[in-house]
């Protein structure tokens, strides 16, 4: 929690994707004695609370701690903005903002999450960028953005970038985050079997 600004910060984990490039559900990929979703929730829990997992209607999830809530994505196949909208709405009356991540970020670092929370200030969004690409699924969002995210979906503007452009967003160059995550592993996603093998090797699990 960012005590300086007295913000209550929660966590939001998206796991409702189709995992087409992986060929099997990413959230249930083994990673040591955990699966990816369990690992990401555990890392997030070191920094924020409560945590909400947004899952597809038909997903059977692994066991998660009792303080992790599961909500079902009310939109079918509309992409990550739909999951963000659902999750922010679920957290709206509980916290001021949420760190949003996907279930396929097993190298997420708690210090990385803390740094973005420290930087959000009075902005609506704090998002890492390399100058060309905004890492919209490794960012802090105010929960008050839930309604606007829903409106964007109704307007068929489904990219999270549209939410960033409409909000009071702080873009943080990734180089400013290297002191807490030198290799920016927190931004590394597991989208393919090759990606999965690579992160297993990095952590000595393969």
C-alpha atoms as a PDB file:
ATOM      1  CA  UNK A   1       0.000   0.000   0.000  1.00  0.00           C
ATOM      2  CA  UNK A   2       1.166   3.492  -0.762  1.00  0.00           C
ATOM      3  CA  UNK A   3       0.902   4.982   2.728  1.00  0.00           C
ATOM      4  CA  UNK A   4       2.204   8.359   1.620  1.00  0.00           C
ATOM      5  CA  UNK A   5      -0.879   9.007  -0.481  1.00  0.00           C
ATOM      6  CA  UNK A   6      -3.061   6.758   1.697  1.00  0.00           C
ATOM      7  CA  UNK A   7      -4.260   4.853  -1.319  1.00  0.00           C
ATOM      8  CA  UNK A   8      -5.765   1.425  -0.910  1.00  0.00           C
ATOM      9  CA  UNK A   9      -4.282  -0.725  -3.651  1.00  0.00           C
ATOM     10  CA  UNK A  10      -5.598  -4.074  -4.797  1.00  0.00           C
ATOM     11  CA  UNK A  11      -4.508  -6.538  -7.441  1.00  0.00           C
ATOM     12  CA  UNK A  12      -6.162  -7.686 -10.632  1.00  0.00           C
ATOM     13  CA  UNK A  13      -5.060 -10.794 -12.526  1.00  0.00           C
ATOM     14  CA  UNK A  14      -6.467 -11.572 -15.969  1.00  0.00           C
ATOM     15  CA  UNK A  15      -6.583 -15.223 -16.973  1.00  0.00           C
ATOM     16  CA  UNK A  16      -9.517 -15.458 -19.386  1.00  0.00           C
ATOM     17  CA  UNK A  17      -7.533 -15.543 -22.628  1.00  0.00           C
ATOM     18  CA  UNK A  18      -7.683 -18.396 -25.116  1.00  0.00           C
ATOM     19  CA  UNK A  19      -3.921 -19.218 -25.014  1.00  0.00           C
ATOM     20  CA  UNK A  20      -3.934 -20.003 -28.741  1.00  0.00           C
ATOM     21  CA  UNK A  21      -0.191 -19.558 -29.216  1.00  0.00           C
ATOM     22  CA  UNK A  22       0.610 -21.682 -26.174  1.00  0.00           C
ATOM     23  CA  UNK A  23      -1.749 -24.475 -27.212  1.00  0.00           C
ATOM     24  CA  UNK A  24      -2.943 -25.081 -23.652  1.00  0.00           C
ATOM     25  CA  UNK A  25      -4.218 -22.899 -20.803  1.00  0.00           C
ATOM     26  CA  UNK A  26      -1.409 -20.682 -19.578  1.00  0.00           C
ATOM     27  CA  UNK A  27      -2.818 -20.159 -16.092  1.00  0.00           C
ATOM     28  CA  UNK A  28      -2.339 -23.846 -15.244  1.00  0.00           C
ATOM     29  CA  UNK A  29       1.215 -24.280 -16.552  1.00  0.00           C
ATOM     30  CA  UNK A  30       3.437 -25.820 -13.830  1.00  0.00           C
ATOM     31  CA  UNK A  31       6.095 -23.566 -12.347  1.00  0.00           C
ATOM     32  CA  UNK A  32       7.956 -25.288  -9.569  1.00  0.00           C
ATOM     33  CA  UNK A  33       5.433 -26.452  -6.993  1.00  0.00           C
ATOM     34  CA  UNK A  34       2.869 -23.960  -8.265  1.00  0.00           C
ATOM     35  CA  UNK A  35       1.080 -23.152 -11.497  1.00  0.00           C
ATOM     36  CA  UNK A  36       1.387 -19.751 -13.155  1.00  0.00           C
ATOM     37  CA  UNK A  37      -1.819 -18.282 -11.735  1.00  0.00           C
ATOM     38  CA  UNK A  38      -0.943 -19.334  -8.195  1.00  0.00           C
ATOM     39  CA  UNK A  39       2.542 -17.879  -8.545  1.00  0.00           C
ATOM     40  CA  UNK A  40       1.366 -14.501  -9.834  1.00  0.00           C
ATOM     41  CA  UNK A  41      -1.261 -14.237  -7.085  1.00  0.00           C
ATOM     42  CA  UNK A  42       1.328 -15.105  -4.438  1.00  0.00           C
ATOM     43  CA  UNK A  43       3.769 -12.468  -5.655  1.00  0.00           C
ATOM     44  CA  UNK A  44       1.043  -9.833  -5.832  1.00  0.00           C
ATOM     45  CA  UNK A  45      -0.144 -10.698  -2.327  1.00  0.00           C
ATOM     46  CA  UNK A  46       3.240  -9.589  -0.983  1.00  0.00           C
ATOM     47  CA  UNK A  47       2.311  -6.028  -1.934  1.00  0.00           C
ATOM     48  CA  UNK A  48      -1.438  -5.568  -2.416  1.00  0.00           C
ATOM     49  CA  UNK A  49      -4.769  -6.741  -1.074  1.00  0.00           C
ATOM     50  CA  UNK A  50      -7.429  -7.728  -2.006  1.00  0.00           C
ATOM     51  CA  UNK A  51      -6.743  -9.577  -5.240  1.00  0.00           C
ATOM     52  CA  UNK A  52      -9.338 -10.339  -7.899  1.00  0.00           C
ATOM     53  CA  UNK A  53      -8.864 -12.912 -10.649  1.00  0.00           C
ATOM     54  CA  UNK A  54     -10.916 -12.406 -13.798  1.00  0.00           C
ATOM     55  CA  UNK A  55     -11.582 -15.730 -15.492  1.00  0.00           C
ATOM     56  CA  UNK A  56     -13.651 -16.912 -18.417  1.00  0.00           C
ATOM     57  CA  UNK A  57     -17.024 -18.457 -17.625  1.00  0.00           C
ATOM     58  CA  UNK A  58     -15.900 -22.021 -18.331  1.00  0.00           C
ATOM     59  CA  UNK A  59     -12.438 -21.968 -16.774  1.00  0.00           C
ATOM     60  CA  UNK A  60     -11.736 -24.344 -13.908  1.00  0.00           C
ATOM     61  CA  UNK A  61      -9.107 -22.623 -11.813  1.00  0.00           C
ATOM     62  CA  UNK A  62      -6.543 -24.128  -9.438  1.00  0.00           C
ATOM     63  CA  UNK A  63      -6.826 -23.698  -5.691  1.00  0.00           C
ATOM     64  CA  UNK A  64      -6.204 -20.113  -4.626  1.00  0.00           C
ATOM     65  CA  UNK A  65      -5.976 -18.452  -1.195  1.00  0.00           C
ATOM     66  CA  UNK A  66      -9.287 -17.596   0.446  1.00  0.00           C
ATOM     67  CA  UNK A  67      -8.593 -13.860   0.163  1.00  0.00           C
ATOM     68  CA  UNK A  68      -8.363 -14.086  -3.641  1.00  0.00           C
ATOM     69  CA  UNK A  69     -11.734 -13.448  -5.261  1.00  0.00           C
ATOM     70  CA  UNK A  70     -12.741 -14.923  -8.604  1.00  0.00           C
ATOM     71  CA  UNK A  71     -15.069 -13.060 -10.934  1.00  0.00           C
ATOM     72  CA  UNK A  72     -16.207 -14.274 -14.314  1.00  0.00           C
ATOM     73  CA  UNK A  73     -15.641 -12.101 -17.368  1.00  0.00           C
ATOM     74  CA  UNK A  74     -19.046 -10.820 -18.425  1.00  0.00           C
ATOM     75  CA  UNK A  75     -17.801 -10.182 -21.953  1.00  0.00           C
ATOM     76  CA  UNK A  76     -17.020 -13.001 -24.362  1.00  0.00           C
ATOM     77  CA  UNK A  77     -13.790 -12.782 -26.349  1.00  0.00           C
ATOM     78  CA  UNK A  78     -13.463  -8.986 -26.214  1.00  0.00           C
ATOM     79  CA  UNK A  79      -9.851  -8.992 -25.060  1.00  0.00           C
ATOM     80  CA  UNK A  80      -7.997  -7.589 -22.059  1.00  0.00           C
ATOM     81  CA  UNK A  81      -9.947  -4.316 -21.826  1.00  0.00           C
ATOM     82  CA  UNK A  82     -13.046  -6.363 -21.024  1.00  0.00           C
ATOM     83  CA  UNK A  83     -11.187  -8.151 -18.240  1.00  0.00           C
ATOM     84  CA  UNK A  84      -9.883  -4.851 -16.908  1.00  0.00           C
ATOM     85  CA  UNK A  85     -13.407  -3.416 -16.876  1.00  0.00           C
ATOM     86  CA  UNK A  86     -14.813  -6.445 -15.054  1.00  0.00           C
ATOM     87  CA  UNK A  87     -11.994  -6.517 -12.509  1.00  0.00           C
ATOM     88  CA  UNK A  88     -11.966  -2.791 -11.763  1.00  0.00           C
ATOM     89  CA  UNK A  89     -15.720  -2.911 -11.261  1.00  0.00           C
ATOM     90  CA  UNK A  90     -15.346  -5.791  -8.804  1.00  0.00           C
ATOM     91  CA  UNK A  91     -12.770  -3.797  -6.837  1.00  0.00           C
ATOM     92  CA  UNK A  92     -14.435  -0.402  -7.160  1.00  0.00           C
ATOM     93  CA  UNK A  93     -15.935  -0.195  -3.655  1.00  0.00           C
ATOM     94  CA  UNK A  94     -12.960  -1.888  -2.008  1.00  0.00           C
ATOM     95  CA  UNK A  95      -9.812  -0.059  -3.158  1.00  0.00           C
ATOM     96  CA  UNK A  96      -8.728   3.147  -4.879  1.00  0.00           C
ATOM     97  CA  UNK A  97      -6.604   1.500  -7.541  1.00  0.00           C
ATOM     98  CA  UNK A  98      -5.308  -1.877  -8.657  1.00  0.00           C
ATOM     99  CA  UNK A  99      -2.116  -3.252 -10.106  1.00  0.00           C
ATOM    100  CA  UNK A 100      -3.235  -5.102 -13.233  1.00  0.00           C
ATOM    101  CA  UNK A 101      -1.299  -8.057 -14.572  1.00  0.00           C
ATOM    102  CA  UNK A 102      -1.881 -11.210 -16.556  1.00  0.00           C
ATOM    103  CA  UNK A 103      -1.545 -14.762 -15.302  1.00  0.00           C
ATOM    104  CA  UNK A 104       1.434 -15.405 -17.592  1.00  0.00           C
ATOM    105  CA  UNK A 105       3.960 -13.102 -15.894  1.00  0.00           C
ATOM    106  CA  UNK A 106       5.802 -15.575 -13.629  1.00  0.00           C
ATOM    107  CA  UNK A 107       8.868 -13.340 -13.229  1.00  0.00           C
ATOM    108  CA  UNK A 108       6.896 -10.444 -11.768  1.00  0.00           C
ATOM    109  CA  UNK A 109       8.768  -8.794  -8.900  1.00  0.00           C
ATOM    110  CA  UNK A 110       7.096  -7.360  -5.841  1.00  0.00           C
ATOM    111  CA  UNK A 111       9.522  -4.403  -5.893  1.00  0.00           C
ATOM    112  CA  UNK A 112       8.373  -3.607  -9.424  1.00  0.00           C
ATOM    113  CA  UNK A 113       4.749  -3.529  -8.282  1.00  0.00           C
ATOM    114  CA  UNK A 114       5.649  -1.294  -5.338  1.00  0.00           C
ATOM    115  CA  UNK A 115       7.482   1.165  -7.565  1.00  0.00           C
ATOM    116  CA  UNK A 116       4.508   1.660  -9.894  1.00  0.00           C
ATOM    117  CA  UNK A 117       2.230   2.131  -6.903  1.00  0.00           C
ATOM    118  CA  UNK A 118       4.605   4.765  -5.525  1.00  0.00           C
ATOM    119  CA  UNK A 119       4.600   6.608  -8.849  1.00  0.00           C
ATOM    120  CA  UNK A 120       0.879   6.685  -9.634  1.00  0.00           C
ATOM    121  CA  UNK A 121       0.295   9.786  -7.483  1.00  0.00           C
ATOM    122  CA  UNK A 122      -2.897  11.554  -8.520  1.00  0.00           C
ATOM    123  CA  UNK A 123      -2.874  10.007 -11.990  1.00  0.00           C
ATOM    124  CA  UNK A 124      -5.533   7.594 -13.210  1.00  0.00           C
ATOM    125  CA  UNK A 125      -2.978   5.181 -14.647  1.00  0.00           C
ATOM    126  CA  UNK A 126       0.738   4.520 -14.173  1.00  0.00           C
ATOM    127  CA  UNK A 127       2.036   2.427 -17.062  1.00  0.00           C
ATOM    128  CA  UNK A 128       5.540   1.342 -18.109  1.00  0.00           C
ATOM    129  CA  UNK A 129       6.553   2.204 -21.660  1.00  0.00           C
ATOM    130  CA  UNK A 130       9.596   1.726 -23.843  1.00  0.00           C
ATOM    131  CA  UNK A 131       8.629   4.754 -25.913  1.00  0.00           C
ATOM    132  CA  UNK A 132       6.821   2.692 -28.505  1.00  0.00           C
ATOM    133  CA  UNK A 133       4.907   0.071 -26.555  1.00  0.00           C
ATOM    134  CA  UNK A 134       2.830   0.653 -23.421  1.00  0.00           C
ATOM    135  CA  UNK A 135       2.745  -2.332 -21.068  1.00  0.00           C
ATOM    136  CA  UNK A 136      -0.952  -2.068 -20.309  1.00  0.00           C
ATOM    137  CA  UNK A 137      -1.023  -5.374 -18.408  1.00  0.00           C
ATOM    138  CA  UNK A 138       1.694  -4.314 -15.984  1.00  0.00           C
ATOM    139  CA  UNK A 139       0.146  -1.073 -14.802  1.00  0.00           C
ATOM    140  CA  UNK A 140      -1.760   0.596 -11.975  1.00  0.00           C
ATOM    141  CA  UNK A 141      -5.324   1.713 -12.753  1.00  0.00           C
ATOM    142  CA  UNK A 142      -7.770   3.701 -10.660  1.00  0.00           C
ATOM    143  CA  UNK A 143     -10.897   1.663 -10.077  1.00  0.00           C
ATOM    144  CA  UNK A 144     -12.986   4.690 -11.057  1.00  0.00           C
ATOM    145  CA  UNK A 145     -12.030   3.897 -14.667  1.00  0.00           C
ATOM    146  CA  UNK A 146     -14.356   0.883 -14.717  1.00  0.00           C
ATOM    147  CA  UNK A 147     -17.311   2.782 -16.177  1.00  0.00           C
ATOM    148  CA  UNK A 148     -15.209   4.423 -18.861  1.00  0.00           C
ATOM    149  CA  UNK A 149     -13.724   1.066 -19.822  1.00  0.00           C
ATOM    150  CA  UNK A 150     -17.247  -0.289 -20.239  1.00  0.00           C
ATOM    151  CA  UNK A 151     -18.203   2.663 -22.400  1.00  0.00           C
ATOM    152  CA  UNK A 152     -15.209   2.040 -24.642  1.00  0.00           C
ATOM    153  CA  UNK A 153     -16.357  -1.559 -25.084  1.00  0.00           C
ATOM    154  CA  UNK A 154     -19.852  -0.378 -26.004  1.00  0.00           C
ATOM    155  CA  UNK A 155     -18.269   1.954 -28.548  1.00  0.00           C
ATOM    156  CA  UNK A 156     -16.292  -0.986 -29.978  1.00  0.00           C
ATOM    157  CA  UNK A 157     -13.010   0.625 -28.916  1.00  0.00           C
ATOM    158  CA  UNK A 158     -11.547  -2.507 -27.383  1.00  0.00           C
ATOM    159  CA  UNK A 159      -7.862  -1.678 -27.018  1.00  0.00           C
ATOM    160  CA  UNK A 160      -6.623  -0.801 -23.507  1.00  0.00           C
ATOM    161  CA  UNK A 161      -4.606   1.955 -25.184  1.00  0.00           C
ATOM    162  CA  UNK A 162      -7.844   3.866 -25.731  1.00  0.00           C
ATOM    163  CA  UNK A 163      -8.384   3.895 -21.964  1.00  0.00           C
ATOM    164  CA  UNK A 164      -4.870   5.230 -21.424  1.00  0.00           C
ATOM    165  CA  UNK A 165      -5.384   7.949 -23.989  1.00  0.00           C
ATOM    166  CA  UNK A 166      -8.652   9.117 -22.427  1.00  0.00           C
ATOM    167  CA  UNK A 167      -7.401   8.993 -18.831  1.00  0.00           C
ATOM    168  CA  UNK A 168      -4.880  11.072 -16.899  1.00  0.00           C
ATOM    169  CA  UNK A 169      -2.075   8.606 -17.572  1.00  0.00           C
ATOM    170  CA  UNK A 170       1.524   8.654 -16.412  1.00  0.00           C
ATOM    171  CA  UNK A 171       3.871   6.845 -18.788  1.00  0.00           C
ATOM    172  CA  UNK A 172       7.044   5.684 -17.058  1.00  0.00           C
ATOM    173  CA  UNK A 173       9.988   4.755 -19.233  1.00  0.00           C
ATOM    174  CA  UNK A 174      11.136   1.239 -18.477  1.00  0.00           C
ATOM    175  CA  UNK A 175      14.686   2.447 -17.875  1.00  0.00           C
ATOM    176  CA  UNK A 176      13.391   4.217 -14.750  1.00  0.00           C
ATOM    177  CA  UNK A 177      12.350   0.823 -13.373  1.00  0.00           C
ATOM    178  CA  UNK A 178      15.616  -1.051 -13.846  1.00  0.00           C
ATOM    179  CA  UNK A 179      16.829  -0.303 -10.336  1.00  0.00           C
ATOM    180  CA  UNK A 180      14.066  -2.573  -9.003  1.00  0.00           C
ATOM    181  CA  UNK A 181      14.070  -5.006 -11.941  1.00  0.00           C
ATOM    182  CA  UNK A 182      17.374  -4.736 -13.868  1.00  0.00           C
ATOM    183  CA  UNK A 183      16.359  -7.056 -16.712  1.00  0.00           C
ATOM    184  CA  UNK A 184      12.681  -6.015 -16.684  1.00  0.00           C
ATOM    185  CA  UNK A 185      11.635  -9.603 -16.130  1.00  0.00           C
ATOM    186  CA  UNK A 186       8.362  -8.356 -14.627  1.00  0.00           C
ATOM    187  CA  UNK A 187       7.314  -7.374 -18.135  1.00  0.00           C
ATOM    188  CA  UNK A 188       8.066 -10.786 -19.594  1.00  0.00           C
ATOM    189  CA  UNK A 189       5.016 -12.779 -20.678  1.00  0.00           C
ATOM    190  CA  UNK A 190       4.750 -16.462 -21.494  1.00  0.00           C
ATOM    191  CA  UNK A 191       2.885 -16.624 -24.789  1.00  0.00           C
ATOM    192  CA  UNK A 192       4.450 -19.631 -26.535  1.00  0.00           C
ATOM    193  CA  UNK A 193       6.007 -22.970 -25.541  1.00  0.00           C
ATOM    194  CA  UNK A 194       9.398 -21.413 -26.285  1.00  0.00           C
ATOM    195  CA  UNK A 195       8.669 -18.532 -23.901  1.00  0.00           C
ATOM    196  CA  UNK A 196       7.678 -21.040 -21.237  1.00  0.00           C
ATOM    197  CA  UNK A 197      10.891 -23.027 -21.655  1.00  0.00           C
ATOM    198  CA  UNK A 198      12.944 -19.831 -21.496  1.00  0.00           C
ATOM    199  CA  UNK A 199      11.495 -18.651 -18.175  1.00  0.00           C
ATOM    200  CA  UNK A 200      11.843 -22.114 -16.692  1.00  0.00           C
ATOM    201  CA  UNK A 201      15.522 -22.053 -17.622  1.00  0.00           C
ATOM    202  CA  UNK A 202      15.956 -18.568 -16.179  1.00  0.00           C
ATOM    203  CA  UNK A 203      14.649 -19.742 -12.832  1.00  0.00           C
ATOM    204  CA  UNK A 204      16.497 -23.065 -12.892  1.00  0.00           C
ATOM    205  CA  UNK A 205      13.290 -25.087 -13.137  1.00  0.00           C
ATOM    206  CA  UNK A 206      14.174 -26.735 -16.445  1.00  0.00           C
END
